[in-house]
Amino acid sequence: MTRDTGLTARIPGSKSCTNRALLLAAAAPGTSAVRAPLVSDDTLTFRDALAALGAGVSATPNDECWEITGLGRGPAVGARVWCADAGTAARFLPPFAATGTGEFVFDGSGQLRARPLWPLADALVGLGARVRTAAGEDALIRVTAQGLDGGEIGLDSSLSSQYLSGLLMAAPLMRTPLVVRVHRLVSRPYIDMTLGLMRRFGADVTEDADGRIEVRPGTYTPVDLVIEPDASTASYVFAAAAVTGRTVTVPGLGTGSLQGDLRFADVLRRTGADVRIGVSSTTVTGTGRLRGGFSVDMGEISDTFMTLAAIAPLADAPITITGVAHARLKESDRISAVAGNLRACGIRAEEGPDWITVHPGVPLPVRVACHRDHRIAMAFSVLGLGAPGVIALDDPGCVGKTFPGFHNEMRRLFPAYELPVPGVGAWP
């Protein structure tokens, strides 16, 4: 096979890095610059929420830089904060608010209300906050704050690592050190990202060999930070390269990345793709054929498991993905949603509490049920490249949660990419 000269993908900034950086900037005194932020539904919601909590927010006309003038402490005036569909807002902002004073009411969409918050609420109560999340409340969570004491807590992180990230980022604003003993942590790379960014903003954080994390009180320092491309989003163009036999490079995403989801490229190696991760970029070259016949634990990179599962029908043998029980509690029950859509297009898919096995097959025409989940839409769009003309989406616009320009970028990179809705129409 003759390899092409390669394509350069334009991947927007990391949502996980953007929202963490925004919160840390809001907690620091002075003004921080967040450059090349992701501009999407979730990050705009998060930015607006910080403004509601009292942080100063401004942006250049082209959104290349967001400047955040922080409080240097917790919020001093109560507020009602809309989180829309953004899980990071609902899980990162209540601990920050609890370090301040006043009553803070956080609410969101029906989709967000269906996602669990009790581990975070229990932890905040243990640190001295008054919290209400009871059935019948007119909000996701209501926090009555008079600052947080700190202390030692245990935290069940089997459902999401975001509870822990939210508590850790608020910890320097507490009155005494916070010591967290973590139980059943999922998505460890996201905690590494949180700790790395906290240190970048000047936090005093240590972790021992047993996983006990201690954060001491102190003052964050404003920074000038460039957000790296989103590794979860890059998984779609990397998978598309593997499916089509093209070469795709993502600049700005290399060996120094804060994002664990770059490890998806290593998973693609197992399908036969050539993967090269350099200091400042990652390149994937596909053969146009996928090798299967393996099982892989994707618990630590679960946002990318759907990308692999969606293209698995094109492999030469079954692929089993394990360790992703917590994916059932995301924007949708992602295991069930992926399996159901695969079965709808004639592919044999088996599932268990924390696993899915996908068998080879020829996809039949299907209208994919996106469940308002951006990752379902983007993953099955890649399958459409390997099965031209058979994949349509019932909600192509839901990609706006993290990558509003997804469909246009896929069409630019891969001319065979088709409109993911039945018939002819404008790109969402």
Protein backbone atom coordinates (compact mmCIF):
# COMPACT_ATOMS: atom_id res chain seq x y z
CA MET A 1 0.00 0.00 0.00
CA THR A 2 1.21 3.52 -0.83
CA ARG A 3 0.84 5.92 2.05
CA ASP A 4 -0.41 9.43 1.46
CA THR A 5 1.61 12.44 2.51
CA GLY A 6 -0.65 13.00 5.47
CA LEU A 7 -3.31 15.36 6.71
CA THR A 8 -3.18 17.78 9.62
CA ALA A 9 -6.29 17.75 11.78
CA ARG A 10 -7.62 20.89 13.46
CA ILE A 11 -8.67 19.62 16.86
CA PRO A 12 -10.14 22.14 19.32
CA GLY A 13 -8.80 22.58 22.82
CA SER A 14 -9.32 20.05 25.57
CA LYS A 15 -12.61 20.47 27.40
CA SER A 16 -11.16 18.89 30.53
CA CYS A 17 -8.15 21.22 30.54
CA THR A 18 -10.22 24.29 29.63
CA ASN A 19 -12.76 23.92 32.43
CA ARG A 20 -10.15 23.04 35.05
CA ALA A 21 -8.05 26.03 34.02
CA LEU A 22 -11.07 28.33 34.15
CA LEU A 23 -11.90 27.26 37.70
CA LEU A 24 -8.32 27.55 38.93
CA ALA A 25 -8.06 31.01 37.34
CA ALA A 26 -11.28 32.06 39.09
CA ALA A 27 -9.83 30.90 42.43
CA ALA A 28 -6.57 32.83 41.94
CA PRO A 29 -6.10 36.54 42.69
CA GLY A 30 -5.35 38.65 39.62
CA THR A 31 -5.87 37.86 35.95
CA SER A 32 -5.05 34.63 34.14
CA ALA A 33 -4.99 34.12 30.37
CA VAL A 34 -6.45 30.88 29.03
CA ARG A 35 -5.30 30.65 25.40
CA ALA A 36 -6.77 28.43 22.67
CA PRO A 37 -9.66 27.36 24.91
CA LEU A 38 -12.29 25.00 23.67
CA VAL A 39 -15.28 27.09 22.59
CA SER A 40 -18.28 24.79 22.93
CA ASP A 41 -21.58 24.45 24.76
CA ASP A 42 -19.97 22.98 27.88
CA THR A 43 -17.10 25.45 28.19
CA LEU A 44 -19.28 28.50 27.51
CA THR A 45 -21.69 27.25 30.17
CA PHE A 46 -18.78 26.84 32.59
CA ARG A 47 -17.41 30.29 31.81
CA ASP A 48 -20.83 31.89 32.32
CA ALA A 49 -21.23 30.02 35.60
CA LEU A 50 -17.96 31.47 36.91
CA ALA A 51 -19.16 34.94 35.98
CA ALA A 52 -22.35 34.26 37.98
CA LEU A 53 -20.13 33.35 40.94
CA GLY A 54 -18.34 36.70 40.73
CA ALA A 55 -15.25 36.08 38.58
CA GLY A 56 -14.35 38.61 35.90
CA VAL A 57 -14.56 37.16 32.39
CA SER A 58 -13.50 38.67 29.07
CA ALA A 59 -12.61 37.28 25.66
CA THR A 60 -10.84 38.42 22.52
CA PRO A 61 -13.20 38.90 19.54
CA ASN A 62 -12.13 35.59 17.99
CA ASP A 63 -12.10 33.70 21.33
CA GLU A 64 -8.40 32.89 20.98
CA CYS A 65 -7.90 34.00 24.58
CA TRP A 66 -10.17 34.17 27.60
CA GLU A 67 -9.03 36.35 30.49
CA ILE A 68 -10.30 35.42 33.93
CA THR A 69 -9.94 37.84 36.84
CA GLY A 70 -10.08 35.63 39.87
CA LEU A 71 -11.44 36.13 43.36
CA GLY A 72 -8.44 34.80 45.28
CA ARG A 73 -10.95 33.04 47.56
CA GLY A 74 -14.36 31.42 47.43
CA PRO A 75 -17.36 33.38 46.11
CA ALA A 76 -18.63 35.98 48.59
CA VAL A 77 -22.20 36.42 47.36
CA GLY A 78 -24.74 33.66 46.81
CA ALA A 79 -25.94 32.92 43.30
CA ARG A 80 -28.13 30.69 41.18
CA VAL A 81 -25.95 28.92 38.60
CA TRP A 82 -27.14 27.19 35.43
CA CYS A 83 -25.03 24.15 34.46
CA ALA A 84 -27.01 23.05 31.36
CA ASP A 85 -25.65 19.61 30.35
CA ALA A 86 -22.15 20.19 31.75
CA GLY A 87 -21.16 17.53 34.27
CA THR A 88 -17.93 19.36 35.04
CA ALA A 89 -19.86 22.45 36.08
CA ALA A 90 -22.15 20.47 38.38
CA ARG A 91 -19.21 18.68 40.02
CA PHE A 92 -16.43 21.27 40.05
CA LEU A 93 -18.33 24.41 41.04
CA PRO A 94 -20.21 23.39 44.23
CA PRO A 95 -16.96 22.72 46.16
CA PHE A 96 -15.58 26.08 45.01
CA ALA A 97 -18.80 27.80 46.11
CA ALA A 98 -18.72 25.97 49.45
CA THR A 99 -15.37 27.63 50.28
CA GLY A 100 -17.15 31.00 50.12
CA THR A 101 -20.18 32.46 51.87
CA GLY A 102 -23.84 32.57 50.90
CA GLU A 103 -26.43 30.28 49.35
CA PHE A 104 -25.57 28.77 45.98
CA VAL A 105 -28.13 26.94 43.89
CA PHE A 106 -26.91 24.82 40.98
CA ASP A 107 -29.35 23.51 38.40
CA GLY A 108 -29.16 21.94 34.97
CA SER A 109 -30.95 20.05 32.24
CA GLY A 110 -33.00 16.91 32.78
CA GLN A 111 -30.09 14.94 31.35
CA LEU A 112 -27.74 16.40 33.95
CA ARG A 113 -30.22 15.90 36.79
CA ALA A 114 -30.22 12.19 36.01
CA ARG A 115 -26.49 11.94 36.77
CA PRO A 116 -25.52 11.14 40.40
CA LEU A 117 -24.20 13.83 42.75
CA TRP A 118 -24.53 12.12 46.14
CA PRO A 119 -20.80 11.26 46.58
CA LEU A 120 -19.94 14.95 46.21
CA ALA A 121 -22.79 16.08 48.46
CA ASP A 122 -21.76 13.63 51.19
CA ALA A 123 -18.14 14.82 51.00
CA LEU A 124 -19.13 18.49 51.26
CA VAL A 125 -21.29 17.80 54.31
CA GLY A 126 -18.31 16.02 55.89
CA LEU A 127 -16.24 19.17 55.35
CA GLY A 128 -18.75 21.47 57.02
CA ALA A 129 -21.09 22.64 54.26
CA ARG A 130 -24.87 22.49 54.36
CA VAL A 131 -26.04 20.70 51.23
CA ARG A 132 -29.43 19.67 49.92
CA THR A 133 -30.01 17.32 46.98
CA ALA A 134 -33.22 15.64 48.18
CA ALA A 135 -35.97 14.58 45.81
CA GLY A 136 -38.38 17.41 45.19
CA GLU A 137 -35.70 20.09 45.35
CA ASP A 138 -35.92 22.70 42.60
CA ALA A 139 -32.23 22.25 41.77
CA LEU A 140 -29.41 19.78 41.25
CA ILE A 141 -27.71 20.80 44.48
CA ARG A 142 -28.12 23.66 46.97
CA VAL A 143 -25.08 24.69 49.02
CA THR A 144 -25.26 26.99 52.03
CA ALA A 145 -21.64 28.03 52.54
CA GLN A 146 -19.58 29.49 55.35
CA GLY A 147 -16.23 28.18 54.16
CA LEU A 148 -14.89 24.64 54.40
CA ASP A 149 -12.84 23.28 57.27
CA GLY A 150 -10.67 20.77 55.45
CA GLY A 151 -9.73 17.58 57.25
CA GLU A 152 -9.49 13.93 56.26
CA ILE A 153 -12.23 12.28 54.24
CA GLY A 154 -12.83 9.10 52.29
CA LEU A 155 -14.39 9.44 48.86
CA ASP A 156 -16.11 6.82 46.74
CA SER A 157 -14.92 7.61 43.21
CA SER A 158 -16.31 4.52 41.48
CA LEU A 159 -18.92 6.52 39.58
CA SER A 160 -16.81 9.48 38.44
CA SER A 161 -13.42 11.04 39.08
CA GLN A 162 -14.98 14.50 38.76
CA TYR A 163 -16.12 14.58 42.41
CA LEU A 164 -12.52 14.18 43.50
CA SER A 165 -11.25 16.77 41.02
CA GLY A 166 -13.78 19.31 42.27
CA LEU A 167 -12.78 18.80 45.91
CA LEU A 168 -9.07 18.91 45.16
CA MET A 169 -9.27 22.17 43.21
CA ALA A 170 -11.21 23.81 46.06
CA ALA A 171 -8.84 22.49 48.73
CA PRO A 172 -6.28 25.35 48.82
CA LEU A 173 -9.17 27.66 49.79
CA MET A 174 -10.10 25.56 52.84
CA ARG A 175 -9.12 26.55 56.37
CA THR A 176 -6.97 23.47 57.08
CA PRO A 177 -5.30 20.86 54.85
CA LEU A 178 -7.53 18.46 52.94
CA VAL A 179 -6.50 14.81 53.02
CA VAL A 180 -8.42 12.47 50.72
CA ARG A 181 -8.40 8.70 50.86
CA VAL A 182 -9.81 7.58 47.53
CA HIS A 183 -11.84 4.41 47.14
CA ARG A 184 -12.34 2.65 43.79
CA LEU A 185 -11.10 5.48 41.63
CA VAL A 186 -12.03 5.41 37.95
CA SER A 187 -10.37 7.49 35.22
CA ARG A 188 -7.13 8.06 37.14
CA PRO A 189 -5.57 10.08 34.27
CA TYR A 190 -8.10 12.85 34.90
CA ILE A 191 -6.90 13.17 38.50
CA ASP A 192 -3.33 13.39 37.22
CA MET A 193 -4.50 16.21 34.95
CA THR A 194 -6.20 17.99 37.87
CA LEU A 195 -3.11 17.73 40.09
CA GLY A 196 -0.81 18.84 37.26
CA LEU A 197 -2.86 21.96 36.58
CA MET A 198 -3.22 22.74 40.29
CA ARG A 199 0.56 22.68 40.63
CA ARG A 200 0.83 24.91 37.55
CA PHE A 201 -1.34 27.44 39.43
CA GLY A 202 0.86 27.12 42.52
CA ALA A 203 -0.99 24.63 44.73
CA ASP A 204 0.89 22.69 47.42
CA VAL A 205 -0.07 19.07 46.74
CA THR A 206 1.50 15.75 47.77
CA GLU A 207 0.50 12.15 47.18
CA ASP A 208 1.91 9.10 48.93
CA ALA A 209 2.43 5.58 47.62
CA ASP A 210 -0.95 4.47 49.01
CA GLY A 211 -2.79 7.09 46.96
CA ARG A 212 -3.48 9.40 49.93
CA ILE A 213 -3.62 12.97 48.55
CA GLU A 214 -2.97 16.01 50.72
CA VAL A 215 -3.57 19.62 49.65
CA ARG A 216 -2.48 22.41 51.99
CA PRO A 217 -4.13 25.84 52.26
CA GLY A 218 -2.58 28.56 50.19
CA THR A 219 -3.09 31.03 47.40
CA TYR A 220 -3.27 30.11 43.74
CA THR A 221 -1.10 32.12 41.33
CA PRO A 222 -2.46 33.56 38.06
CA VAL A 223 -0.93 31.98 34.95
CA ASP A 224 -0.78 32.33 31.18
CA LEU A 225 -1.78 28.91 29.87
CA VAL A 226 -2.17 27.44 26.38
CA ILE A 227 -4.77 24.67 26.21
CA GLU A 228 -3.66 21.58 24.30
CA PRO A 229 -5.93 19.88 21.72
CA ASP A 230 -8.57 17.54 23.11
CA ALA A 231 -7.30 13.96 23.09
CA SER A 232 -10.80 12.49 23.39
CA THR A 233 -11.86 14.41 20.29
CA ALA A 234 -8.66 13.44 18.50
CA SER A 235 -9.70 9.79 18.89
CA TYR A 236 -12.26 10.25 16.10
CA VAL A 237 -9.79 11.46 13.49
CA PHE A 238 -7.24 8.84 14.59
CA ALA A 239 -9.87 6.11 14.21
CA ALA A 240 -10.92 7.55 10.86
CA ALA A 241 -7.31 7.32 9.68
CA ALA A 242 -7.21 3.66 10.72
CA VAL A 243 -10.49 2.92 8.91
CA THR A 244 -9.64 4.75 5.68
CA GLY A 245 -5.92 3.98 5.38
CA ARG A 246 -5.01 7.66 5.56
CA THR A 247 -2.32 9.42 7.61
CA VAL A 248 -3.53 12.03 10.09
CA THR A 249 -1.42 14.18 12.40
CA VAL A 250 -2.67 16.15 15.39
CA PRO A 251 -0.16 18.88 16.29
CA GLY A 252 0.13 20.03 19.89
CA LEU A 253 -0.67 16.60 21.30
CA GLY A 254 2.47 14.68 22.19
CA THR A 255 4.41 12.90 24.89
CA GLY A 256 4.01 15.75 27.37
CA SER A 257 0.22 15.75 27.19
CA LEU A 258 -1.78 16.04 30.41
CA GLN A 259 -4.53 13.89 28.89
CA GLY A 260 -4.75 10.16 29.45
CA ASP A 261 -7.05 9.74 26.47
CA LEU A 262 -4.04 10.02 24.17
CA ARG A 263 -3.54 6.38 25.11
CA PHE A 264 -6.33 5.60 22.66
CA ALA A 265 -3.61 5.77 20.01
CA ASP A 266 -1.94 2.79 21.69
CA VAL A 267 -5.23 0.88 21.42
CA LEU A 268 -5.30 1.63 17.70
CA ARG A 269 -1.86 0.01 17.43
CA ARG A 270 -3.54 -3.24 18.40
CA THR A 271 -5.86 -2.90 15.41
CA GLY A 272 -2.85 -2.70 13.08
CA ALA A 273 -2.49 1.07 12.71
CA ASP A 274 0.95 2.68 12.70
CA VAL A 275 1.13 5.15 15.60
CA ARG A 276 3.88 7.69 16.21
CA ILE A 277 3.71 9.86 19.33
CA GLY A 278 6.32 12.60 19.25
CA VAL A 279 7.19 15.46 21.54
CA SER A 280 4.75 17.87 19.93
CA SER A 281 2.41 15.80 17.75
CA THR A 282 0.81 12.40 17.22
CA THR A 283 0.41 10.72 13.84
CA VAL A 284 -1.72 7.70 12.97
CA THR A 285 -1.51 5.87 9.65
CA GLY A 286 -4.10 3.24 8.89
CA THR A 287 -4.11 0.29 6.50
CA GLY A 288 -7.83 0.51 5.78
CA ARG A 289 -8.27 -2.86 7.53
CA LEU A 290 -8.66 -3.43 11.25
CA ARG A 291 -7.31 -6.33 13.26
CA GLY A 292 -9.49 -7.67 16.04
CA GLY A 293 -9.36 -10.70 18.28
CA PHE A 294 -8.36 -8.94 21.50
CA SER A 295 -9.74 -7.63 24.79
CA VAL A 296 -8.77 -4.24 26.20
CA ASP A 297 -9.48 -2.53 29.53
CA MET A 298 -10.46 1.06 28.71
CA GLY A 299 -11.59 2.06 32.20
CA GLU A 300 -9.00 4.82 32.44
CA ILE A 301 -9.81 6.19 28.97
CA SER A 302 -13.53 5.49 28.94
CA ASP A 303 -14.47 8.58 26.90
CA THR A 304 -12.82 6.85 23.93
CA PHE A 305 -14.28 3.37 24.32
CA MET A 306 -17.20 4.28 22.04
CA THR A 307 -14.78 5.23 19.27
CA LEU A 308 -13.30 1.73 19.29
CA ALA A 309 -16.65 0.01 19.73
CA ALA A 310 -18.21 1.90 16.82
CA ILE A 311 -15.50 0.86 14.34
CA ALA A 312 -15.12 -2.68 15.73
CA PRO A 313 -17.59 -4.18 13.17
CA LEU A 314 -14.96 -3.43 10.52
CA ALA A 315 -12.34 -5.60 12.27
CA ASP A 316 -11.51 -9.16 11.25
CA ALA A 317 -12.39 -10.67 14.65
CA PRO A 318 -14.39 -9.70 17.76
CA ILE A 319 -13.16 -6.95 20.08
CA THR A 320 -14.06 -6.86 23.78
CA ILE A 321 -13.86 -3.67 25.83
CA THR A 322 -13.87 -3.97 29.63
CA GLY A 323 -13.69 -1.75 32.72
CA VAL A 324 -16.24 0.83 31.61
CA ALA A 325 -19.12 0.41 34.09
CA HIS A 326 -19.02 4.13 34.94
CA ALA A 327 -19.76 4.94 31.29
CA ARG A 328 -23.35 3.94 32.02
CA LEU A 329 -23.69 7.13 34.09
CA LYS A 330 -22.47 9.67 31.53
CA GLU A 331 -24.59 11.78 29.16
CA SER A 332 -26.29 8.48 28.30
CA ASP A 333 -25.90 4.85 29.33
CA ARG A 334 -23.09 4.62 26.85
CA ILE A 335 -22.64 0.85 26.90
CA SER A 336 -26.32 0.27 26.24
CA ALA A 337 -26.51 3.06 23.66
CA VAL A 338 -23.55 1.74 21.67
CA ALA A 339 -24.74 -1.87 21.81
CA GLY A 340 -28.27 -0.88 20.83
CA ASN A 341 -27.16 1.14 17.83
CA LEU A 342 -24.85 -1.62 16.65
CA ARG A 343 -27.65 -4.17 16.87
CA ALA A 344 -29.93 -1.78 14.98
CA CYS A 345 -27.52 -1.86 12.04
CA GLY A 346 -27.28 -5.66 12.09
CA ILE A 347 -24.09 -6.08 14.12
CA ARG A 348 -23.84 -8.65 16.88
CA ALA A 349 -23.03 -6.88 20.14
CA GLU A 350 -23.05 -8.39 23.63
CA GLU A 351 -22.87 -6.38 26.84
CA GLY A 352 -22.44 -6.82 30.57
CA PRO A 353 -22.28 -4.47 33.55
CA ASP A 354 -18.83 -3.16 32.59
CA TRP A 355 -18.06 -4.62 29.18
CA ILE A 356 -19.11 -4.87 25.55
CA THR A 357 -18.08 -7.32 22.82
CA VAL A 358 -18.54 -6.32 19.19
CA HIS A 359 -18.38 -8.89 16.38
CA PRO A 360 -17.40 -8.27 12.76
CA GLY A 361 -20.16 -7.60 10.28
CA VAL A 362 -21.45 -5.48 7.44
CA PRO A 363 -23.52 -2.58 8.81
CA LEU A 364 -27.01 -2.13 7.42
CA PRO A 365 -28.63 1.30 6.97
CA VAL A 366 -29.51 2.81 10.34
CA ARG A 367 -30.52 6.07 11.90
CA VAL A 368 -28.30 6.19 14.98
CA ALA A 369 -30.00 7.17 18.23
CA CYS A 370 -27.58 9.75 19.67
CA HIS A 371 -29.37 10.15 23.04
CA ARG A 372 -28.21 13.80 22.98
CA ASP A 373 -24.72 12.41 23.55
CA HIS A 374 -21.97 14.07 21.52
CA ARG A 375 -19.65 11.07 21.77
CA ILE A 376 -22.24 8.64 20.40
CA ALA A 377 -22.72 10.94 17.39
CA MET A 378 -19.02 11.39 16.69
CA ALA A 379 -18.11 7.71 17.17
CA PHE A 380 -20.77 6.44 14.78
CA SER A 381 -19.85 9.11 12.26
CA VAL A 382 -16.47 7.37 11.98
CA LEU A 383 -18.19 4.03 11.32
CA GLY A 384 -19.94 5.82 8.47
CA LEU A 385 -16.58 6.30 6.75
CA GLY A 386 -16.09 2.53 6.69
CA ALA A 387 -19.68 1.87 5.67
CA PRO A 388 -20.54 4.65 3.20
CA GLY A 389 -24.18 5.57 2.86
CA VAL A 390 -25.54 3.53 5.75
CA ILE A 391 -25.02 5.69 8.85
CA ALA A 392 -27.26 8.65 9.68
CA LEU A 393 -27.65 10.48 12.99
CA ASP A 394 -30.92 11.50 14.61
CA ASP A 395 -29.23 14.48 16.31
CA PRO A 396 -26.08 15.55 14.44
CA GLY A 397 -26.05 18.92 16.20
CA CYS A 398 -25.35 17.39 19.62
CA VAL A 399 -21.64 17.45 18.74
CA GLY A 400 -21.77 21.13 19.73
CA LYS A 401 -21.26 20.07 23.35
CA THR A 402 -17.51 19.66 22.67
CA PHE A 403 -16.80 20.15 18.94
CA PRO A 404 -19.25 22.38 17.05
CA GLY A 405 -17.17 22.12 13.86
CA PHE A 406 -16.87 18.31 13.92
CA HIS A 407 -18.80 17.51 10.74
CA ASN A 408 -17.07 20.19 8.68
CA GLU A 409 -13.62 19.08 9.86
CA MET A 410 -14.37 15.44 9.07
CA ARG A 411 -15.52 16.40 5.59
CA ARG A 412 -12.35 18.47 5.08
CA LEU A 413 -10.09 15.61 6.12
CA PHE A 414 -12.03 12.78 4.49
CA PRO A 415 -13.84 13.74 1.27
CA ALA A 416 -15.89 10.52 1.46
CA TYR A 417 -17.49 11.73 4.69
CA GLU A 418 -21.21 12.09 4.07
CA LEU A 419 -23.89 14.24 5.62
CA PRO A 420 -24.87 12.29 8.75
CA VAL A 421 -28.60 12.93 8.40
CA PRO A 422 -31.01 11.40 5.89
CA GLY A 423 -31.31 13.37 2.71
CA VAL A 424 -29.67 16.67 1.88
CA GLY A 425 -29.34 19.62 4.20
CA ALA A 426 -26.97 22.09 5.78
CA TRP A 427 -24.25 21.11 8.21
CA PRO A 428 -25.37 21.62 11.79
